[in-house]
């Protein structure tokens, strides 16, 4: 599981749009995430 700080960092609105990335809503995994389901 991801650190809480990294989950919060990903959830915050970035200064530049290219800095945004998706994370799994359940475990916080940063890659291999289905946007449609958030998993």
PDB file of N, CA and C in Angstrom:
ATOM      1  N   UNK A   1       0.831  -1.184   0.000  1.00  0.00           N
ATOM      2  CA  UNK A   1       0.000   0.000   0.000  1.00  0.00           C
ATOM      3  C   UNK A   1       0.876   1.248   0.000  1.00  0.00           C
ATOM      4  N   UNK A   2       0.328   2.298  -0.601  1.00  0.00           N
ATOM      5  CA  UNK A   2       1.064   3.549  -0.710  1.00  0.00           C
ATOM      6  C   UNK A   2       1.011   4.329   0.598  1.00  0.00           C
ATOM      7  N   UNK A   3       1.998   5.188   0.784  1.00  0.00           N
ATOM      8  CA  UNK A   3       2.002   6.052   1.962  1.00  0.00           C
ATOM      9  C   UNK A   3       0.854   7.047   1.852  1.00  0.00           C
ATOM     10  N   UNK A   4       0.319   7.429   2.979  1.00  0.00           N
ATOM     11  CA  UNK A   4      -0.790   8.380   3.014  1.00  0.00           C
ATOM     12  C   UNK A   4      -0.392   9.704   2.381  1.00  0.00           C
ATOM     13  N   UNK A   5       0.852  10.120   2.586  1.00  0.00           N
ATOM     14  CA  UNK A   5       1.334  11.387   2.029  1.00  0.00           C
ATOM     15  C   UNK A   5       1.284  11.370   0.503  1.00  0.00           C
ATOM     16  N   UNK A   6       1.636  10.230  -0.107  1.00  0.00           N
ATOM     17  CA  UNK A   6       1.626  10.131  -1.566  1.00  0.00           C
ATOM     18  C   UNK A   6       0.206  10.098  -2.117  1.00  0.00           C
ATOM     19  N   UNK A   7      -0.718   9.482  -1.371  1.00  0.00           N
ATOM     20  CA  UNK A   7      -2.128   9.481  -1.779  1.00  0.00           C
ATOM     21  C   UNK A   7      -2.665  10.910  -1.771  1.00  0.00           C
ATOM     22  N   UNK A   8      -2.356  11.654  -0.700  1.00  0.00           N
ATOM     23  CA  UNK A   8      -2.816  13.038  -0.581  1.00  0.00           C
ATOM     24  C   UNK A   8      -2.197  13.917  -1.654  1.00  0.00           C
ATOM     25  N   UNK A   9      -0.924  13.684  -1.945  1.00  0.00           N
ATOM     26  CA  UNK A   9      -0.211  14.454  -2.962  1.00  0.00           C
ATOM     27  C   UNK A   9      -0.858  14.262  -4.337  1.00  0.00           C
ATOM     28  N   UNK A  10      -1.237  13.027  -4.649  1.00  0.00           N
ATOM     29  CA  UNK A  10      -1.866  12.720  -5.932  1.00  0.00           C
ATOM     30  C   UNK A  10      -3.277  13.306  -6.010  1.00  0.00           C
ATOM     31  N   UNK A  11      -3.950  13.400  -4.878  1.00  0.00           N
ATOM     32  CA  UNK A  11      -5.321  13.918  -4.848  1.00  0.00           C
ATOM     33  C   UNK A  11      -5.369  15.440  -4.969  1.00  0.00           C
ATOM     34  N   UNK A  12      -4.294  16.105  -4.566  1.00  0.00           N
ATOM     35  CA  UNK A  12      -4.258  17.571  -4.610  1.00  0.00           C
ATOM     36  C   UNK A  12      -4.175  18.074  -6.047  1.00  0.00           C
ATOM     37  N   UNK A  13      -4.718  19.262  -6.282  1.00  0.00           N
ATOM     38  CA  UNK A  13      -4.671  19.853  -7.619  1.00  0.00           C
ATOM     39  C   UNK A  13      -3.250  20.351  -7.883  1.00  0.00           C
ATOM     40  N   UNK A  14      -2.621  19.858  -8.959  1.00  0.00           N
ATOM     41  CA  UNK A  14      -1.235  20.251  -9.233  1.00  0.00           C
ATOM     42  C   UNK A  14      -1.134  21.650  -9.837  1.00  0.00           C
ATOM     43  N   UNK A  15       0.035  22.233  -9.722  1.00  0.00           N
ATOM     44  CA  UNK A  15       0.288  23.553 -10.293  1.00  0.00           C
ATOM     45  C   UNK A  15       0.207  23.487 -11.819  1.00  0.00           C
ATOM     46  N   UNK A  16       0.673  22.379 -12.383  1.00  0.00           N
ATOM     47  CA  UNK A  16       0.622  22.156 -13.826  1.00  0.00           C
ATOM     48  C   UNK A  16      -0.127  20.854 -14.093  1.00  0.00           C
ATOM     49  N   UNK A  17      -0.984  20.823 -15.119  1.00  0.00           N
ATOM     50  CA  UNK A  17      -1.828  19.657 -15.403  1.00  0.00           C
ATOM     51  C   UNK A  17      -1.034  18.384 -15.663  1.00  0.00           C
ATOM     52  N   UNK A  18       0.152  18.509 -16.254  1.00  0.00           N
ATOM     53  CA  UNK A  18       0.950  17.312 -16.571  1.00  0.00           C
ATOM     54  C   UNK A  18       1.472  16.605 -15.322  1.00  0.00           C
ATOM     55  N   UNK A  19       1.433  17.268 -14.189  1.00  0.00           N
ATOM     56  CA  UNK A  19       1.898  16.649 -12.939  1.00  0.00           C
ATOM     57  C   UNK A  19       0.849  15.721 -12.323  1.00  0.00           C
ATOM     58  N   UNK A  20      -0.375  15.780 -12.819  1.00  0.00           N
ATOM     59  CA  UNK A  20      -1.452  14.944 -12.275  1.00  0.00           C
ATOM     60  C   UNK A  20      -1.292  13.502 -12.741  1.00  0.00           C
ATOM     61  N   UNK A  21      -1.622  12.546 -11.867  1.00  0.00           N
ATOM     62  CA  UNK A  21      -1.604  11.133 -12.238  1.00  0.00           C
ATOM     63  C   UNK A  21      -2.636  10.394 -11.418  1.00  0.00           C
ATOM     64  N   UNK A  22      -3.075   9.269 -11.945  1.00  0.00           N
ATOM     65  CA  UNK A  22      -4.118   8.489 -11.276  1.00  0.00           C
ATOM     66  C   UNK A  22      -3.508   7.482 -10.314  1.00  0.00           C
ATOM     67  N   UNK A  23      -4.224   7.205  -9.248  1.00  0.00           N
ATOM     68  CA  UNK A  23      -3.841   6.167  -8.290  1.00  0.00           C
ATOM     69  C   UNK A  23      -5.067   5.319  -8.005  1.00  0.00           C
ATOM     70  N   UNK A  24      -4.834   4.083  -7.630  1.00  0.00           N
ATOM     71  CA  UNK A  24      -5.921   3.183  -7.241  1.00  0.00           C
ATOM     72  C   UNK A  24      -6.610   3.763  -6.003  1.00  0.00           C
ATOM     73  N   UNK A  25      -7.952   3.777  -6.030  1.00  0.00           N
ATOM     74  CA  UNK A  25      -8.713   4.328  -4.904  1.00  0.00           C
ATOM     75  C   UNK A  25      -8.630   3.430  -3.675  1.00  0.00           C
ATOM     76  N   UNK A  26      -8.377   2.139  -3.886  1.00  0.00           N
ATOM     77  CA  UNK A  26      -8.351   1.171  -2.793  1.00  0.00           C
ATOM     78  C   UNK A  26      -6.979   1.100  -2.130  1.00  0.00           C
ATOM     79  N   UNK A  27      -5.934   0.842  -2.941  1.00  0.00           N
ATOM     80  CA  UNK A  27      -4.609   0.606  -2.354  1.00  0.00           C
ATOM     81  C   UNK A  27      -3.607   1.729  -2.623  1.00  0.00           C
ATOM     82  N   UNK A  28      -3.908   2.629  -3.566  1.00  0.00           N
ATOM     83  CA  UNK A  28      -3.002   3.738  -3.834  1.00  0.00           C
ATOM     84  C   UNK A  28      -1.935   3.436  -4.867  1.00  0.00           C
ATOM     85  N   UNK A  29      -2.044   2.288  -5.548  1.00  0.00           N
ATOM     86  CA  UNK A  29      -1.066   1.899  -6.562  1.00  0.00           C
ATOM     87  C   UNK A  29      -1.031   2.947  -7.681  1.00  0.00           C
ATOM     88  N   UNK A  30       0.164   3.420  -8.102  1.00  0.00           N
ATOM     89  CA  UNK A  30       0.252   4.499  -9.076  1.00  0.00           C
ATOM     90  C   UNK A  30       0.179   4.079 -10.544  1.00  0.00           C
ATOM     91  N   UNK A  31       0.410   2.791 -10.848  1.00  0.00           N
ATOM     92  CA  UNK A  31       0.363   2.337 -12.241  1.00  0.00           C
ATOM     93  C   UNK A  31      -0.577   1.143 -12.366  1.00  0.00           C
ATOM     94  N   UNK A  32      -0.948   0.818 -13.615  1.00  0.00           N
ATOM     95  CA  UNK A  32      -1.921  -0.255 -13.879  1.00  0.00           C
ATOM     96  C   UNK A  32      -3.250   0.047 -13.201  1.00  0.00           C
ATOM     97  N   UNK A  33      -3.773   1.246 -13.444  1.00  0.00           N
ATOM     98  CA  UNK A  33      -5.031   1.674 -12.828  1.00  0.00           C
ATOM     99  C   UNK A  33      -6.083   1.871 -13.912  1.00  0.00           C
ATOM    100  N   UNK A  34      -7.271   1.262 -13.718  1.00  0.00           N
ATOM    101  CA  UNK A  34      -8.395   1.476 -14.620  1.00  0.00           C
ATOM    102  C   UNK A  34      -9.082   2.771 -14.209  1.00  0.00           C
ATOM    103  N   UNK A  35      -9.044   3.775 -15.053  1.00  0.00           N
ATOM    104  CA  UNK A  35      -9.681   5.051 -14.712  1.00  0.00           C
ATOM    105  C   UNK A  35     -11.187   4.897 -14.539  1.00  0.00           C
ATOM    106  N   UNK A  36     -11.776   4.051 -15.391  1.00  0.00           N
ATOM    107  CA  UNK A  36     -13.226   3.847 -15.367  1.00  0.00           C
ATOM    108  C   UNK A  36     -13.714   3.373 -13.994  1.00  0.00           C
ATOM    109  N   UNK A  37     -12.947   2.500 -13.364  1.00  0.00           N
ATOM    110  CA  UNK A  37     -13.339   1.926 -12.077  1.00  0.00           C
ATOM    111  C   UNK A  37     -12.576   2.515 -10.895  1.00  0.00           C
ATOM    112  N   UNK A  38     -11.473   3.212 -11.162  1.00  0.00           N
ATOM    113  CA  UNK A  38     -10.662   3.766 -10.086  1.00  0.00           C
ATOM    114  C   UNK A  38      -9.871   2.701  -9.349  1.00  0.00           C
ATOM    115  N   UNK A  39      -9.652   1.557 -10.023  1.00  0.00           N
ATOM    116  CA  UNK A  39      -8.926   0.437  -9.409  1.00  0.00           C
ATOM    117  C   UNK A  39      -7.714   0.069 -10.232  1.00  0.00           C
TER     118      UNK A  39
END
